[in-house]
Amino acid sequence: MFKRITGIFIALLILSILILTLYWDSVPGTALFSDTPVTTPYRMAQDFSGKWNSYSSLREAWNSENRAQEAHLHFLPASKTDNVIIPSNSGIEVIAKKFSVTGKWSYKTAQLVVEGVYGNADIYLNGMDDVHFIGKIEGNGGVYTLNFSPSRFDFSNTNILLIKVSKSSMDYSKAFGWLWPEKGKITGKVHLQAVCETTIDVSQIAINYDPMKKQMAATVTIGHHDLLEQGPWALRGELFSKGQKIAACTLPLNTNGKEEQTAKLLFTVLNGHYWTAKDPFLYEINLELTNNRGEFDSVQLPIGMRDSKDIQVDGEIISQVQAYQISHERKIDAYLQSLKNSGKNTVYFMGFFPNESWLYAADKLGVNVWLELPANMAAGTKLPQPAQFKELIALAAKHPSVFAWTTAKGLEDSLETTGYLQKIAGTLAGFSTYHLVLINSPDITTEVTPIVLTPDGLSGDWGSLNYLADNGASNGTNKGNANVRAERVAVILWLVWLIFVSIQNFLSFRWKYRELANDIPKMSVRKAFFWCAMALVSRMATLAIFVTLLIQRLPVSIPPWVPYDLSMLTMIQAIPSVAVAFFLTFLLVCLRLLQTGVAAPAFPDNPDALGLACWIERKYGWNLLFGIAIILMVYGLPFYIPIAVYLVLSLIFLPARIRSAWITGGSYFPLLVVPGTILLALLILCAWHYPDFVYLYKVILPNIALPFH
């Protein structure tokens, strides 16, 4: 009997998992668009923006793409794989793209440019092993390039580009980032370019103006590839104002033997025109790199000289989700223009680094930009090194609209934090630097100006910033009236079931422990066994219902300064509550059977796992009170009251459970093996990540208001 019921429980657990897989669906991503690029590199290129095939693992991607290639399919049918649009805000694991190249590409170095990478991206070409590995990108939202030899291409067949994206070190460094499920993203374009041996790095061009010398300095980063045998090179720059050439400069270059080299072009500009929000004046610079073999690299882009005077900030804070929606609707220029028309002068990008199209639009329209570095809510010992932000800082430095940086958010007071803030302030010399602190956080003494995070925005002597309102967005905790009514009806019906099970167990035959060894028990005993098993399932289901109700009450829309991705929670909440509770019920039942199965050999006659569980379950008759506490929670009682009820009643009846084990001639200690092992594993894990718990105690807990409904 017990074995048959145990088999049914296991089958129901498997069925619940299958049901979850049917309902499980990723949060749909939003395709991101930008205007025509303002920066114009004159290079042979392919734009990989658009549809990519999406997979859960590198091996699955390579095998599927190989089969599709043999079948001469550029994209697999929708029933065979998922598709994702790049750029978008979709979380990705592995994506694949097919492309072809002609013989022209064999004479140039190949350069893969990936914009807006969030996470660690491992990139492979025509394979999935180390031989086909192109390189690794640790992305924080900037623009990243990888160079490789054209010999890696298959000129006679279709090439397969594979990109595997995982959590970055920034994600792991924030508090409990090791526990939080997040996926990487690519929110910018992916380009493949054919470049000569030495190229101009478009993402690292800095402009400075000396009014005393009447000189504009353009600091250009030159990238060298391969064998460095095709020099010397000459870098020529031409400066234009309103379409008229006003200055030119040529600088001979000899390679320095390194992959990167910095060159400074000096232009004489008698009347330098500064960029301001009221007068967003931009020059245009043409850069051309040539050698005596006729090879060249050419780039054209707008530049500006920012006035170093302090400004009085009046602007809006925009979140990542809001920026994605604006980009999806192709309204970047329209949003910034409306912001300026309303009398505001600044946009603050909170929690992310914007696509460069935002920065170019701000340069053009005259909107000041305040950016953030991704050092968020991290213990002092886990803070990143400023060198990890090199690409982001260099990318922003060429935009005159960028005037301020938030160097960190929600840090603890420690020597490591002070050291980090001092280093990053030096790295960001020339910009205004701040760090955001929670209301009840300890003060951190440093040269970086602190700003207190408030529900309304940010303010100080420098000005004020308010959050951009979400049009009709829900905070994730307001449930519709129909849902509330259905929830209340469901828990009341469940309480009726608990009462019924309690009555049946009260009226059943008072069986003894020795009945567990009887292979052919009487009908009255079998009936008593059945209702004990139902009591076990009902208690686990009550716990499952409580957890499900908590999950449904968790907010999915959080303040933009909280650096966590809640897409996983959104996906779980989209699953019907019945399916979630069904799965949790039989997961808990099977864990209980594992617990009693491990302990059974220590009891007389080595009873069946379910039989021993039924024997112990007789001391959980108070489960009805736990069910009543859940109903009160649904009607407005704080969530922690049912937890307190369950824990208190468990402790009160613990001596009765121990005595029940002793009566049989066994011991209660073996029943603690499984929960003790789980607890020990959790303690080891917590000890390994103890800085996060110290951070939780020092920074998070003082800022939490406990009750929520």
Foldseek 3Di string as FASTA:
>chain_A
DLVVVVVVLVVLLVVLVVQLVVLFDFDDKFAFAFDDDQKDKPFDKDWPFFKWWADQDPVVVLVVVVVCQVVVHQDDPCVVTPIDTPQIFGFGFKIKGKDADAPVLQQFKKKKKAAQKAAKKWKFKQDDDPVRTQDIDQDFGGIDMTIDHPVSHDNVGIMMMMIGGAHHLLQVQAQCSVPFDGGMHRNHIIMMTGAHQKEWDPLFWFWEADLVQQKIKIKTKMFGDDPQPQDFKKKKKWKAFPRHTDWIFIDIDRDPPDGIDIDITITRHNDADAAALVRLGKMKMKMKMAHPVGGIIIMIHIFGYHDLDAAQADEAEEFPVRLSVCSSVNCLLVVVLVRVVVVGAEYEYAQGQDGCSNLVSCSVNRHAYEYEDSAENGELVSGDALVVCVSVLSNCNRRNSYAEYEDYEAYAADPSVQVRVARVCVVNPSHQYEHEHEPPGDDHDHPHHYWYDDPQFTQDPSYTYGYDDDDPDDQQQDDDPVVLVVLLVVLVVLLVVLVVLLVQLVPADPDDLCVLLDPDDDPSVVSNLVSLLVLLLSLQLLVLLLVLVVLSRDTQHDPSNPNGHCSVSVSVNSNPSVSSSSNSSSVVVVLQLVLQQQQQVQFPPSGHSSSVSSLLSVLVSCSSVLSVVSSVVSVPDFSCVSVVVVVVSCVVSVVVSQVSRVVRVGGCVSSCPSVVVVVVVVVVVCVVVVSSVVSCVNGVVVNDDRGDD
